[in-house]
């Protein structure tokens, strides 16, 4: 069974473009998120609960500079700590990625055993609404922003 109708040539389906984007974003952020999890969760909770967004911003900047070009990944000044007696803590951090004209607004969720990346919005103005071109430019921007 094919995702695309016969005769489409090399054209990628919109569903495949979405899947490629999701994989690329998650892959680009994996090491960065794991590095953030080296911060004691109690510190994140304290900073979030006491609105010390400057401290959170500094933690994110410090982790981001290990994996991304300066300024390409930044804190959006919003975070949430979910702390309940019955579950492990979950830290949600609103972040922005910007490189080569591509904007990605997303929430990184630090949790155990799995982390998550929830993309809110992707903007690729140079693609003119073409999903394939958007995906190509997004992949290029992510690759270009990575330091390793």
Protein backbone atom coordinates (compact mmCIF):
# COMPACT_ATOMS: atom_id res chain seq x y z
CA UNK A 1 0.00 0.00 0.00
CA UNK A 2 1.30 3.49 -0.89
CA UNK A 3 0.93 6.81 0.90
CA UNK A 4 0.78 8.54 -2.46
CA UNK A 5 -1.30 7.89 -5.55
CA UNK A 6 0.34 6.26 -8.57
CA UNK A 7 2.12 8.58 -10.98
CA UNK A 8 3.22 11.12 -8.37
CA UNK A 9 6.85 10.52 -9.24
CA UNK A 10 9.19 11.69 -6.50
CA UNK A 11 6.58 13.88 -4.81
CA UNK A 12 6.36 13.32 -1.05
CA UNK A 13 2.92 13.10 0.55
CA UNK A 14 1.90 15.73 3.15
CA UNK A 15 1.69 12.94 5.74
CA UNK A 16 5.25 11.87 4.96
CA UNK A 17 6.41 15.51 5.20
CA UNK A 18 4.84 15.79 8.66
CA UNK A 19 6.50 12.54 9.76
CA UNK A 20 9.91 13.70 8.47
CA UNK A 21 9.54 17.02 10.30
CA UNK A 22 8.57 15.35 13.57
CA UNK A 23 11.50 12.94 13.39
CA UNK A 24 13.97 15.68 12.48
CA UNK A 25 12.87 18.00 15.29
CA UNK A 26 12.90 15.22 17.89
CA UNK A 27 16.28 13.96 16.71
CA UNK A 28 17.84 17.44 16.73
CA UNK A 29 16.64 18.07 20.30
CA UNK A 30 17.35 14.69 21.95
CA UNK A 31 20.86 15.45 23.26
CA UNK A 32 19.86 18.96 24.32
CA UNK A 33 16.91 17.64 26.35
CA UNK A 34 19.05 14.93 27.95
CA UNK A 35 21.56 17.61 28.92
CA UNK A 36 18.79 19.70 30.51
CA UNK A 37 17.85 16.67 32.59
CA UNK A 38 21.24 16.88 34.30
CA UNK A 39 19.81 19.86 36.17
CA UNK A 40 18.24 18.80 39.46
CA UNK A 41 14.46 18.67 38.98
CA UNK A 42 14.06 20.48 42.33
CA UNK A 43 15.89 23.48 40.85
CA UNK A 44 13.55 23.58 37.86
CA UNK A 45 10.53 23.33 40.15
CA UNK A 46 11.82 26.12 42.40
CA UNK A 47 12.64 28.42 39.46
CA UNK A 48 9.24 27.79 37.86
CA UNK A 49 7.22 28.21 41.05
CA UNK A 50 9.04 31.43 41.99
CA UNK A 51 8.98 32.88 38.44
CA UNK A 52 12.75 32.99 38.13
CA UNK A 53 12.65 32.86 34.35
CA UNK A 54 16.10 34.42 34.05
CA UNK A 55 17.61 31.39 35.78
CA UNK A 56 15.68 29.00 33.52
CA UNK A 57 16.78 31.01 30.49
CA UNK A 58 20.41 30.71 31.57
CA UNK A 59 20.12 26.92 32.05
CA UNK A 60 18.60 26.56 28.59
CA UNK A 61 21.18 28.84 27.01
CA UNK A 62 24.01 26.89 28.64
CA UNK A 63 22.66 23.55 27.39
CA UNK A 64 21.81 24.91 23.94
CA UNK A 65 25.29 26.27 23.32
CA UNK A 66 26.68 22.73 23.51
CA UNK A 67 24.58 21.56 20.57
CA UNK A 68 23.31 24.58 18.59
CA UNK A 69 24.63 27.79 17.08
CA UNK A 70 24.28 30.75 19.40
CA UNK A 71 20.80 32.24 19.43
CA UNK A 72 19.13 29.50 17.40
CA UNK A 73 17.40 27.94 20.42
CA UNK A 74 15.94 30.04 23.21
CA UNK A 75 13.54 30.05 26.12
CA UNK A 76 10.11 31.62 25.53
CA UNK A 77 9.71 32.67 29.17
CA UNK A 78 7.00 30.14 29.97
CA UNK A 79 7.31 26.92 31.96
CA UNK A 80 5.21 24.54 33.98
CA UNK A 81 6.04 22.04 36.71
CA UNK A 82 3.64 19.15 37.24
CA UNK A 83 4.38 17.72 40.66
CA UNK A 84 1.95 15.24 42.18
CA UNK A 85 2.40 12.68 44.94
CA UNK A 86 1.37 9.77 42.69
CA UNK A 87 3.65 10.50 39.72
CA UNK A 88 7.15 11.53 38.78
CA UNK A 89 7.63 15.27 38.07
CA UNK A 90 7.14 16.66 34.57
CA UNK A 91 8.80 19.91 33.54
CA UNK A 92 7.43 21.70 30.47
CA UNK A 93 9.53 24.44 28.88
CA UNK A 94 8.30 26.64 26.03
CA UNK A 95 11.12 27.12 23.54
CA UNK A 96 11.75 28.71 20.16
CA UNK A 97 14.06 27.58 17.40
CA UNK A 98 15.08 30.07 14.73
CA UNK A 99 17.61 29.55 11.96
CA UNK A 100 17.77 30.40 8.26
CA UNK A 101 14.28 31.95 8.35
CA UNK A 102 12.63 28.90 9.93
CA UNK A 103 10.72 29.36 13.21
CA UNK A 104 9.63 26.43 15.36
CA UNK A 105 7.64 27.09 18.53
CA UNK A 106 7.46 24.06 20.80
CA UNK A 107 7.28 22.73 24.33
CA UNK A 108 10.00 20.40 25.59
CA UNK A 109 8.61 18.07 28.24
CA UNK A 110 11.22 16.62 30.59
CA UNK A 111 9.83 13.51 32.23
CA UNK A 112 10.64 9.96 33.17
CA UNK A 113 10.91 7.53 31.45
CA UNK A 114 10.27 9.43 28.21
CA UNK A 115 10.62 13.04 27.18
CA UNK A 116 8.41 14.74 24.60
CA UNK A 117 8.52 17.59 22.13
CA UNK A 118 5.15 19.18 21.39
CA UNK A 119 5.36 21.46 18.37
CA UNK A 120 2.91 24.35 18.50
CA UNK A 121 3.75 26.14 15.28
CA UNK A 122 6.19 26.00 12.39
CA UNK A 123 6.78 28.97 10.12
CA UNK A 124 8.78 28.70 6.91
CA UNK A 125 8.05 31.92 5.00
CA UNK A 126 10.40 31.18 2.08
CA UNK A 127 8.47 28.03 1.11
CA UNK A 128 5.39 29.83 -0.20
CA UNK A 129 3.03 27.27 1.34
CA UNK A 130 4.64 24.31 -0.46
CA UNK A 131 4.76 21.49 2.11
CA UNK A 132 7.71 19.72 0.46
CA UNK A 133 9.72 22.94 0.28
CA UNK A 134 8.81 23.74 3.92
CA UNK A 135 10.08 20.33 4.99
CA UNK A 136 13.28 20.69 2.97
CA UNK A 137 14.02 24.14 4.43
CA UNK A 138 13.18 22.97 7.98
CA UNK A 139 15.53 19.99 7.70
CA UNK A 140 18.26 22.25 6.30
CA UNK A 141 17.78 24.82 9.09
CA UNK A 142 17.97 22.16 11.81
CA UNK A 143 21.09 20.61 10.30
CA UNK A 144 22.76 24.00 9.84
CA UNK A 145 22.03 25.05 13.45
CA UNK A 146 23.56 21.90 14.97
CA UNK A 147 27.16 22.12 16.15
CA UNK A 148 27.65 18.35 16.19
